[in-house]
């Protein structure tokens, strides 16, 4: 599936970084994410905390996923989104300069979020997001850090 409209969000302002830092490493599906990062963090936190466990809404919906806390020099890229029937797999890669022994001065930690539009027919789906650390982007050697994998089930309803 194409990732043309997908984005990696990196909060730059202190308030946005703090809002993102407090988020869990998770994945959620929302109807229409807000444009401002602080509001997006609130929307994401609410969706993750929703104990019903199943997003139900119209297509297109948007997948939001937060990854591990990274260091200032780290970078993030969306690698691929694959659909196999009702199962979706999103792979996100990132660097991890701390794991490679980098000396970090005046380091500003940040938590990345990816936003991916899901243009799918109505139906029930499961999305699995995996974050993997590489020595360099886009195709560096995989680092021996744990992969982070989270998943969410959701249902897209027919449009009105």
Foldseek 3Di string as FASTA:
>chain_A
DDQVPKDKDWDDDPLLQVLQVPDDQAKFKAADADDDSNSNSVVGNVRVPPPVQAAEEAPFIKMKGKDDKAKDVKDKDWDDWDDDPQEIETEMEMAHVVLVPDDDDPIDIGIMMMIGTDGDAWDKHKYKYKYFHANDPDDHHTDPDDIDIYMGIYTHDYDD
